[in-house]
Amino acid sequence: MLFWMSCSSTVNLAPSSPPISQVNSLLVLPTQRSVPDNIRSVQFFSSSQASSPLVTARLGSNDQLILRFDELSEISGMFRIHFSHRNKDWTKSNLPSTWFMNSTNQRIIQGGTRNQSNSIPFHTYNSQFSLRDLEFLVSGFYFIHVSDYNTGIELFSLPFALTEQRGVLELTGETLYNKGGLGAAVDRIFAEFSIPEFVDMPVFDLSFQVLQDGFLPKAIPAKGKDFSEEKVAKFYLEESQSYPANTRFYGLNLFNFSLSNQEILEYRESEELPQITLKEDFISFSDTPYTLQSMYGNPSSSNTARYAMINFRFNPMGTGPNNDDEIFVVGDFNQWSENKQHKMKWNPELRLFEAAILLKEGSYRYTYATRNYATRNYATRDGTQLDINELGSSLTKENQWYTGILFYRDPNLQYDRILFVEMIQLSP
């Protein structure tokens, strides 16, 4: 039997948040609180760029920040929302709340909609926050924090960027073949920025950061810089900073829980949850054209949408597991994170890896990851990292999206403004 607990209905807890756990994730930042198990199907996006890998809105615009999530609970809950301003490395900035917001830094979410399906009990929350109402005063990186109303305990936080879009940022890129590990292709990004008049010392106050496919913890500050041309700043990733260009993803369309869905191999109803087995994925899978896409997937927002236990199966093409093999399913549905529930087990009869995951009807992007020692490009917290390239057999160039972020260190208030955010796609 499954038991579902609600944080929002728990009142006998200390009104302070526990320390932030160190989650091995491709998406969760070191200073971010990851989503707990009783919160599912999180969506967070800007009304003007719903599919952007980095949630981005323009300071002073009519954009809205939209937050949706399910709480696995029979009881409708209440949640507190507040915002924090961050430095470009996502540590908390020194700006007090009244310096980055001209409104009260607290909102309440309540009145969740009870799901009408025969699946597990849950409530869906759908909130929209207008930038005009929030009255943000400065640009930069931010967190939106979601806390339990009764206890004050922070449940999770999500990152976003407010940009000024001042000046002009132009991105270009090049693919270097046979330069990566085992001869794989790698990508370099180049940026040219027209400097606004108010920037007096661009050599010291401007910096540039590159993000691949929305994976914030792996953002790279550009080492290459050129200020030789008047009122123009040029930044670039040096060859040693190049991103692997062979990252691939699986797409999963689960808007239909039935055998008519081509993704599904087996379907079985049960008293609690449908049990679904997907067709197996192979180590040599083909890439589909990569488009701009949210890192939170697209779970159904219907009040009759169901959850099911989804059995993922990964075929390593005839090779069995090594003693130290650890393979995880990571994707939009789990913040691209390593956890026990999504660790795959070897099925010796079928000779493939399996993992059963609670998932809502919808569409998602995912892949399979191993744990490897940190490479020359990425530092991790415990000496290992999730590697999503090792299990893909391709060494050739795939579709990749890159986000360039131009920072300006405000010389007066000593915080990191975002002057411009731009994206570029590098295709084969």
Protein backbone atom coordinates (compact mmCIF):
# COMPACT_ATOMS: atom_id res chain seq x y z
CA MET A 1 0.00 0.00 0.00
CA LEU A 2 1.19 3.53 -0.80
CA PHE A 3 1.03 6.32 1.76
CA TRP A 4 1.08 9.99 0.71
CA MET A 5 2.07 12.62 3.24
CA SER A 6 1.38 16.34 3.02
CA CYS A 7 3.85 18.89 4.37
CA SER A 8 1.19 21.58 4.24
CA SER A 9 -0.94 19.75 6.78
CA THR A 10 1.91 19.15 9.21
CA VAL A 11 2.05 21.69 12.05
CA ASN A 12 4.39 20.23 14.67
CA LEU A 13 7.66 21.04 12.95
CA ALA A 14 10.31 23.61 13.83
CA PRO A 15 9.83 26.90 11.89
CA SER A 16 13.25 26.75 10.29
CA SER A 17 14.52 25.04 7.18
CA PRO A 18 16.98 22.14 7.46
CA PRO A 19 20.38 22.51 5.81
CA ILE A 20 20.38 22.31 2.03
CA SER A 21 21.20 18.75 1.02
CA GLN A 22 23.93 18.21 -1.55
CA VAL A 23 22.10 16.73 -4.53
CA ASN A 24 24.13 15.28 -7.40
CA SER A 25 22.22 16.91 -10.22
CA LEU A 26 22.68 18.33 -13.69
CA LEU A 27 20.12 21.04 -12.91
CA VAL A 28 20.02 21.80 -9.15
CA LEU A 29 22.49 24.47 -7.99
CA PRO A 30 24.60 24.09 -4.80
CA THR A 31 22.61 26.86 -3.06
CA GLN A 32 19.21 25.60 -4.25
CA ARG A 33 16.74 23.44 -2.34
CA SER A 34 15.63 20.52 -4.50
CA VAL A 35 11.98 19.51 -4.90
CA PRO A 36 10.83 16.99 -2.19
CA ASP A 37 9.16 13.68 -2.99
CA ASN A 38 5.64 14.83 -2.10
CA ILE A 39 5.81 17.66 -4.67
CA ARG A 40 5.50 16.49 -8.28
CA SER A 41 5.09 17.77 -11.84
CA VAL A 42 6.68 21.16 -11.17
CA GLN A 43 6.50 23.70 -13.98
CA PHE A 44 8.08 27.15 -13.84
CA PHE A 45 8.34 29.51 -16.80
CA SER A 46 8.00 33.08 -18.04
CA SER A 47 4.90 34.01 -20.01
CA SER A 48 7.02 35.53 -22.79
CA GLN A 49 9.48 32.61 -23.08
CA ALA A 50 7.61 29.51 -21.94
CA SER A 51 10.06 27.12 -23.63
CA SER A 52 13.32 28.77 -22.62
CA PRO A 53 15.79 26.39 -20.89
CA LEU A 54 16.65 29.23 -18.46
CA VAL A 55 13.55 30.89 -17.00
CA THR A 56 14.06 34.49 -18.15
CA ALA A 57 11.94 37.65 -17.96
CA ARG A 58 12.68 41.27 -18.81
CA LEU A 59 12.90 43.73 -15.94
CA GLY A 60 10.04 46.24 -16.00
CA SER A 61 8.03 44.30 -18.59
CA ASN A 62 4.51 42.87 -18.48
CA ASP A 63 5.90 39.33 -18.20
CA GLN A 64 4.46 36.90 -15.70
CA LEU A 65 6.24 34.16 -13.79
CA ILE A 66 4.04 31.05 -13.81
CA LEU A 67 4.45 28.32 -11.19
CA ARG A 68 2.54 25.02 -11.22
CA PHE A 69 2.97 21.92 -9.11
CA ASP A 70 1.12 18.99 -7.57
CA GLU A 71 1.18 18.09 -3.88
CA LEU A 72 0.50 14.41 -3.15
CA SER A 73 -2.09 14.97 -0.44
CA GLU A 74 -5.78 14.49 0.23
CA ILE A 75 -5.89 17.92 1.90
CA SER A 76 -5.60 21.27 0.15
CA GLY A 77 -2.54 23.11 1.44
CA MET A 78 -1.16 26.63 1.76
CA PHE A 79 2.29 27.84 0.76
CA ARG A 80 4.35 30.98 1.23
CA ILE A 81 6.33 32.44 -1.67
CA HIS A 82 9.28 34.80 -1.41
CA PHE A 83 12.19 35.83 -3.63
CA SER A 84 15.92 36.24 -3.08
CA HIS A 85 18.47 38.07 -5.21
CA ARG A 86 21.62 36.13 -6.13
CA ASN A 87 25.13 36.83 -7.36
CA LYS A 88 26.28 35.46 -10.71
CA ASP A 89 27.61 32.37 -8.88
CA TRP A 90 24.15 31.94 -7.28
CA THR A 91 25.29 32.80 -3.77
CA LYS A 92 22.96 35.23 -2.00
CA SER A 93 23.71 38.87 -2.80
CA ASN A 94 24.10 41.59 -0.18
CA LEU A 95 21.05 43.51 -1.39
CA PRO A 96 18.26 43.71 1.22
CA SER A 97 14.77 42.87 0.01
CA THR A 98 13.68 46.52 -0.12
CA TRP A 99 16.52 47.25 -2.56
CA PHE A 100 15.51 44.64 -5.13
CA MET A 101 11.70 44.73 -4.65
CA ASN A 102 9.33 47.65 -4.22
CA SER A 103 6.54 45.44 -2.90
CA THR A 104 6.04 43.05 -0.01
CA ASN A 105 8.33 40.06 -0.49
CA GLN A 106 5.71 37.47 0.35
CA ARG A 107 2.85 35.87 -1.54
CA ILE A 108 0.43 33.11 -0.54
CA ILE A 109 -0.59 30.10 -2.65
CA GLN A 110 -3.74 28.28 -1.58
CA GLY A 111 -6.90 26.72 -2.95
CA GLY A 112 -5.35 23.81 -4.80
CA THR A 113 -7.59 21.92 -7.20
CA ARG A 114 -8.37 18.34 -6.16
CA ASN A 115 -7.67 15.91 -8.96
CA GLN A 116 -10.72 14.08 -10.30
CA SER A 117 -8.99 10.96 -11.58
CA ASN A 118 -9.00 7.52 -9.96
CA SER A 119 -5.27 7.78 -9.36
CA ILE A 120 -3.48 8.76 -6.14
CA PRO A 121 -4.90 11.77 -4.25
CA PHE A 122 -3.24 15.08 -5.11
CA HIS A 123 -3.95 18.79 -5.44
CA THR A 124 -2.71 20.99 -8.26
CA TYR A 125 -1.58 24.59 -7.68
CA ASN A 126 -1.36 27.13 -10.49
CA SER A 127 -0.07 30.62 -9.67
CA GLN A 128 0.88 33.60 -11.82
CA PHE A 129 3.10 36.41 -10.55
CA SER A 130 3.09 39.62 -12.60
CA LEU A 131 6.40 41.49 -12.73
CA ARG A 132 4.39 44.72 -12.54
CA ASP A 133 2.85 43.61 -9.24
CA LEU A 134 6.09 42.20 -7.84
CA GLU A 135 7.91 45.47 -8.69
CA PHE A 136 11.42 44.10 -9.01
CA LEU A 137 13.91 46.97 -8.99
CA VAL A 138 17.10 45.34 -10.24
CA SER A 139 18.15 42.71 -12.73
CA GLY A 140 20.19 39.60 -11.97
CA PHE A 141 19.74 36.00 -10.90
CA TYR A 142 16.91 35.18 -8.48
CA PHE A 143 15.38 32.27 -6.60
CA ILE A 144 11.67 31.83 -6.01
CA HIS A 145 11.27 30.04 -2.65
CA VAL A 146 8.24 27.89 -1.79
CA SER A 147 7.65 27.22 1.93
CA ASP A 148 5.00 25.43 3.95
CA TYR A 149 2.57 28.04 5.29
CA ASN A 150 2.09 26.51 8.74
CA THR A 151 5.67 25.64 9.61
CA GLY A 152 7.67 28.13 7.54
CA ILE A 153 9.89 25.27 6.34
CA GLU A 154 11.20 25.87 2.84
CA LEU A 155 10.14 23.03 0.55
CA PHE A 156 11.97 23.93 -2.64
CA SER A 157 13.44 26.81 -4.64
CA LEU A 158 13.74 27.46 -8.38
CA PRO A 159 16.12 29.78 -10.28
CA PHE A 160 15.30 32.46 -12.82
CA ALA A 161 16.93 35.50 -14.45
CA LEU A 162 15.73 39.08 -14.83
CA THR A 163 17.49 40.83 -17.69
CA GLU A 164 17.64 44.46 -18.78
CA GLN A 165 18.37 43.76 -22.49
CA ARG A 166 20.57 46.87 -22.71
CA GLY A 167 23.23 47.10 -25.37
CA VAL A 168 23.36 44.45 -28.11
CA LEU A 169 24.70 40.91 -27.61
CA GLU A 170 25.51 38.79 -30.66
CA LEU A 171 26.47 35.14 -30.31
CA THR A 172 28.30 32.91 -32.77
CA GLY A 173 29.72 29.42 -32.39
CA GLU A 174 32.02 26.89 -33.95
CA THR A 175 32.23 23.11 -33.71
CA LEU A 176 35.65 21.51 -33.36
CA TYR A 177 35.72 17.91 -34.52
CA ASN A 178 37.86 15.17 -32.94
CA LYS A 179 38.80 17.50 -30.06
CA GLY A 180 36.77 15.96 -27.24
CA GLY A 181 37.08 12.74 -25.30
CA LEU A 182 37.56 9.71 -27.59
CA GLY A 183 37.54 12.08 -30.56
CA ALA A 184 34.07 13.58 -29.97
CA ALA A 185 33.07 16.97 -31.31
CA VAL A 186 33.05 20.04 -29.04
CA ASP A 187 31.44 23.50 -29.29
CA ARG A 188 32.92 26.94 -28.63
CA ILE A 189 30.81 30.08 -28.18
CA PHE A 190 31.86 33.64 -29.09
CA ALA A 191 30.09 36.83 -28.01
CA GLU A 192 30.28 40.45 -29.14
CA PHE A 193 28.63 43.08 -26.94
CA SER A 194 28.03 46.74 -27.75
CA ILE A 195 28.79 48.52 -24.48
CA PRO A 196 26.13 50.94 -23.12
CA GLU A 197 27.26 54.47 -22.21
CA PHE A 198 26.82 53.99 -18.45
CA VAL A 199 29.52 51.28 -18.32
CA ASP A 200 32.70 53.21 -17.50
CA MET A 201 35.17 50.38 -16.85
CA PRO A 202 34.14 47.41 -19.00
CA VAL A 203 37.46 45.59 -18.54
CA PHE A 204 36.76 45.25 -14.81
CA ASP A 205 32.96 45.32 -14.61
CA LEU A 206 31.76 43.15 -17.51
CA SER A 207 31.79 39.36 -17.63
CA PHE A 208 30.18 36.67 -19.74
CA GLN A 209 28.83 33.20 -19.00
CA VAL A 210 27.71 30.37 -21.29
CA LEU A 211 25.07 27.76 -20.49
CA GLN A 212 24.46 24.57 -22.52
CA ASP A 213 20.92 23.18 -22.90
CA GLY A 214 19.70 24.73 -19.63
CA PHE A 215 22.08 22.91 -17.24
CA LEU A 216 22.89 25.74 -14.83
CA PRO A 217 25.48 23.99 -12.61
CA LYS A 218 27.67 23.51 -15.68
CA ALA A 219 27.63 27.16 -16.79
CA ILE A 220 31.10 28.28 -17.88
CA PRO A 221 32.53 31.80 -17.32
CA ALA A 222 34.35 32.76 -20.51
CA LYS A 223 38.11 33.13 -20.04
CA GLY A 224 38.68 34.67 -23.45
CA LYS A 225 38.26 38.47 -23.49
CA ASP A 226 39.05 41.28 -25.94
CA PHE A 227 38.44 44.97 -25.23
CA SER A 228 40.70 46.38 -27.95
CA GLU A 229 37.82 47.84 -29.98
CA GLU A 230 36.19 50.98 -28.57
CA LYS A 231 32.75 50.42 -27.01
CA VAL A 232 32.84 46.73 -27.91
CA ALA A 233 33.51 43.82 -25.57
CA LYS A 234 34.34 40.41 -27.01
CA PHE A 235 34.18 37.19 -24.99
CA TYR A 236 34.78 33.58 -25.98
CA LEU A 237 35.22 30.12 -24.57
CA GLU A 238 38.79 28.99 -24.92
CA GLU A 239 39.28 25.59 -26.51
CA SER A 240 39.89 24.04 -23.09
CA GLN A 241 36.44 25.31 -22.04
CA SER A 242 34.57 23.80 -24.99
CA TYR A 243 31.30 21.99 -24.37
CA PRO A 244 30.81 18.40 -25.57
CA ALA A 245 28.69 18.63 -28.71
CA ASN A 246 27.33 15.07 -28.73
CA THR A 247 24.68 15.28 -25.96
CA ARG A 248 21.48 13.44 -26.89
CA PHE A 249 18.06 13.15 -25.26
CA TYR A 250 15.07 10.85 -25.45
CA GLY A 251 11.58 12.29 -25.88
CA LEU A 252 8.63 10.71 -24.07
CA ASN A 253 4.99 11.38 -25.00
CA LEU A 254 2.69 10.03 -22.28
CA PHE A 255 -0.45 12.09 -22.83
CA ASN A 256 -2.25 8.80 -23.41
CA PHE A 257 -2.00 5.97 -20.85
CA SER A 258 -3.06 3.05 -23.05
CA LEU A 259 -1.64 0.43 -25.38
CA SER A 260 -2.55 2.67 -28.33
CA ASN A 261 0.41 4.83 -27.28
CA GLN A 262 3.41 3.77 -29.34
CA GLU A 263 5.73 4.46 -26.38
CA ILE A 264 4.04 1.79 -24.22
CA LEU A 265 4.84 -1.92 -24.35
CA GLU A 266 2.69 -3.17 -21.46
CA TYR A 267 -0.23 -1.61 -19.58
CA ARG A 268 -1.91 -2.95 -16.46
CA GLU A 269 -4.56 -1.31 -14.29
CA SER A 270 -4.40 -1.68 -10.51
CA GLU A 271 -6.38 -0.43 -7.52
CA GLU A 272 -3.84 2.31 -6.78
CA LEU A 273 -1.89 3.16 -9.94
CA PRO A 274 -1.67 2.00 -13.55
CA GLN A 275 1.49 -0.04 -14.15
CA ILE A 276 3.16 0.84 -17.46
CA THR A 277 6.25 -0.60 -19.12
CA LEU A 278 7.87 1.45 -21.86
CA LYS A 279 9.52 0.03 -24.92
CA GLU A 280 13.22 -0.39 -24.25
CA ASP A 281 15.77 2.30 -25.07
CA PHE A 282 19.03 1.28 -26.71
CA ILE A 283 22.53 2.57 -26.21
CA SER A 284 22.62 3.60 -29.87
CA PHE A 285 19.63 5.90 -30.12
CA SER A 286 19.02 8.55 -32.76
CA ASP A 287 18.71 12.23 -32.03
CA THR A 288 15.61 14.21 -32.94
CA PRO A 289 15.96 17.92 -33.82
CA TYR A 290 16.46 19.77 -30.55
CA THR A 291 14.17 22.76 -30.06
CA LEU A 292 14.00 25.33 -27.28
CA GLN A 293 12.53 23.51 -24.31
CA SER A 294 11.75 24.05 -20.65
CA MET A 295 13.81 21.98 -18.20
CA TYR A 296 10.57 21.08 -16.35
CA GLY A 297 8.82 19.13 -19.08
CA ASN A 298 5.15 19.40 -19.94
CA PRO A 299 3.02 17.45 -17.44
CA SER A 300 -0.71 17.61 -18.11
CA SER A 301 -2.63 20.43 -16.41
CA SER A 302 -5.98 18.68 -16.74
CA ASN A 303 -7.85 18.02 -13.47
CA THR A 304 -8.43 14.45 -14.65
CA ALA A 305 -4.78 13.73 -15.46
CA ARG A 306 -3.46 10.55 -13.83
CA TYR A 307 -0.21 9.34 -12.37
CA ALA A 308 1.22 5.91 -13.14
CA MET A 309 4.25 3.82 -12.27
CA ILE A 310 6.36 3.97 -15.42
CA ASN A 311 8.95 1.25 -15.92
CA PHE A 312 11.91 2.55 -17.95
CA ARG A 313 14.10 -0.05 -19.63
CA PHE A 314 17.60 0.55 -20.98
CA ASN A 315 19.36 -1.98 -23.19
CA PRO A 316 23.19 -1.67 -23.15
CA MET A 317 23.37 -3.76 -26.34
CA GLY A 318 24.54 -7.10 -25.05
CA THR A 319 27.00 -5.99 -22.38
CA GLY A 320 26.26 -6.84 -18.76
CA PRO A 321 26.84 -4.56 -15.77
CA ASN A 322 30.22 -4.10 -14.11
CA ASN A 323 30.44 -4.36 -10.34
CA ASP A 324 30.65 -0.58 -10.00
CA ASP A 325 27.99 0.30 -12.59
CA GLU A 326 25.47 2.86 -11.42
CA ILE A 327 22.94 3.99 -14.02
CA PHE A 328 20.19 6.52 -13.35
CA VAL A 329 17.17 7.79 -15.27
CA VAL A 330 17.39 11.60 -15.23
CA GLY A 331 15.05 14.06 -16.87
CA ASP A 332 12.47 16.80 -16.66
CA PHE A 333 10.53 14.82 -14.06
CA ASN A 334 13.28 14.65 -11.38
CA GLN A 335 15.32 17.85 -11.90
CA TRP A 336 17.91 15.78 -13.78
CA SER A 337 19.09 14.45 -10.41
CA GLU A 338 20.55 11.28 -9.00
CA ASN A 339 18.35 9.60 -6.39
CA LYS A 340 17.66 6.10 -5.11
CA GLN A 341 14.22 5.87 -6.69
CA HIS A 342 15.63 6.48 -10.16
CA LYS A 343 18.62 4.17 -9.92
CA MET A 344 18.30 1.32 -12.41
CA LYS A 345 18.53 -2.36 -11.52
CA TRP A 346 19.93 -5.05 -13.79
CA ASN A 347 17.41 -7.63 -15.01
CA PRO A 348 19.53 -10.71 -15.84
CA GLU A 349 16.69 -12.50 -17.66
CA LEU A 350 15.96 -9.64 -20.06
CA ARG A 351 19.58 -8.42 -19.98
CA LEU A 352 18.64 -4.78 -19.51
CA PHE A 353 18.42 -2.14 -16.78
CA GLU A 354 15.05 -1.17 -15.28
CA ALA A 355 13.64 1.54 -12.99
CA ALA A 356 10.01 2.26 -12.02
CA ILE A 357 9.14 5.96 -11.65
CA LEU A 358 5.96 7.74 -10.55
CA LEU A 359 5.05 9.99 -13.47
CA LYS A 360 2.08 12.10 -14.53
CA GLU A 361 0.52 12.12 -17.97
CA GLY A 362 2.41 14.53 -20.21
CA SER A 363 5.54 14.84 -22.33
CA TYR A 364 9.10 14.80 -21.03
CA ARG A 365 12.75 14.75 -22.06
CA TYR A 366 15.16 12.37 -20.38
CA THR A 367 18.32 10.34 -20.72
CA TYR A 368 20.48 7.86 -18.81
CA ALA A 369 23.45 8.88 -16.70
CA THR A 370 26.41 7.23 -15.05
CA ARG A 371 28.56 8.54 -12.20
CA ASN A 372 32.11 9.43 -13.20
CA TYR A 373 35.02 11.39 -11.78
CA ALA A 374 34.94 15.10 -12.61
CA THR A 375 36.43 16.05 -15.95
CA ARG A 376 38.61 19.04 -16.73
CA ASN A 377 35.57 21.20 -17.47
CA TYR A 378 33.27 20.58 -14.52
CA ALA A 379 33.89 20.63 -10.78
CA THR A 380 31.51 18.73 -8.54
CA ARG A 381 30.84 18.70 -4.83
CA ASP A 382 31.91 15.16 -4.00
CA GLY A 383 34.48 14.35 -6.66
CA THR A 384 32.01 12.60 -8.97
CA GLN A 385 29.47 13.81 -11.48
CA LEU A 386 26.59 12.58 -13.56
CA ASP A 387 27.75 11.83 -17.10
CA ILE A 388 25.03 11.83 -19.77
CA ASN A 389 27.40 11.34 -22.70
CA GLU A 390 29.09 8.06 -21.80
CA LEU A 391 26.02 5.93 -22.57
CA GLY A 392 25.51 7.52 -25.97
CA SER A 393 27.53 5.88 -28.72
CA SER A 394 27.75 8.98 -30.91
CA LEU A 395 30.94 10.99 -31.19
CA THR A 396 29.48 13.26 -33.84
CA LYS A 397 27.85 16.67 -33.56
CA GLU A 398 24.24 16.87 -32.27
CA ASN A 399 21.78 19.74 -31.94
CA GLN A 400 22.66 21.92 -28.91
CA TRP A 401 21.28 25.20 -27.56
CA TYR A 402 23.51 27.71 -25.78
CA THR A 403 22.50 30.66 -23.60
CA GLY A 404 24.87 33.60 -23.24
CA ILE A 405 24.53 35.88 -20.18
CA LEU A 406 26.26 39.29 -20.04
CA PHE A 407 26.89 40.52 -16.46
CA TYR A 408 27.72 44.00 -15.22
CA ARG A 409 29.10 44.38 -11.70
CA ASP A 410 27.39 47.51 -10.38
CA PRO A 411 30.24 49.64 -8.96
CA ASN A 412 27.99 51.44 -6.47
CA LEU A 413 25.81 48.72 -4.95
CA GLN A 414 28.21 45.83 -5.68
CA TYR A 415 25.78 43.38 -7.20
CA ASP A 416 25.66 41.52 -10.52
CA ARG A 417 23.26 43.03 -13.03
CA ILE A 418 22.28 41.10 -16.15
CA LEU A 419 22.47 43.42 -19.12
CA PHE A 420 21.61 40.88 -21.80
CA VAL A 421 20.55 37.25 -22.33
CA GLU A 422 20.75 35.69 -25.79
CA MET A 423 20.46 32.16 -27.20
CA ILE A 424 21.96 30.36 -30.16
CA GLN A 425 21.50 26.90 -31.66
CA LEU A 426 24.46 24.98 -33.09
CA SER A 427 23.28 22.22 -35.43
CA PRO A 428 25.27 19.54 -37.27
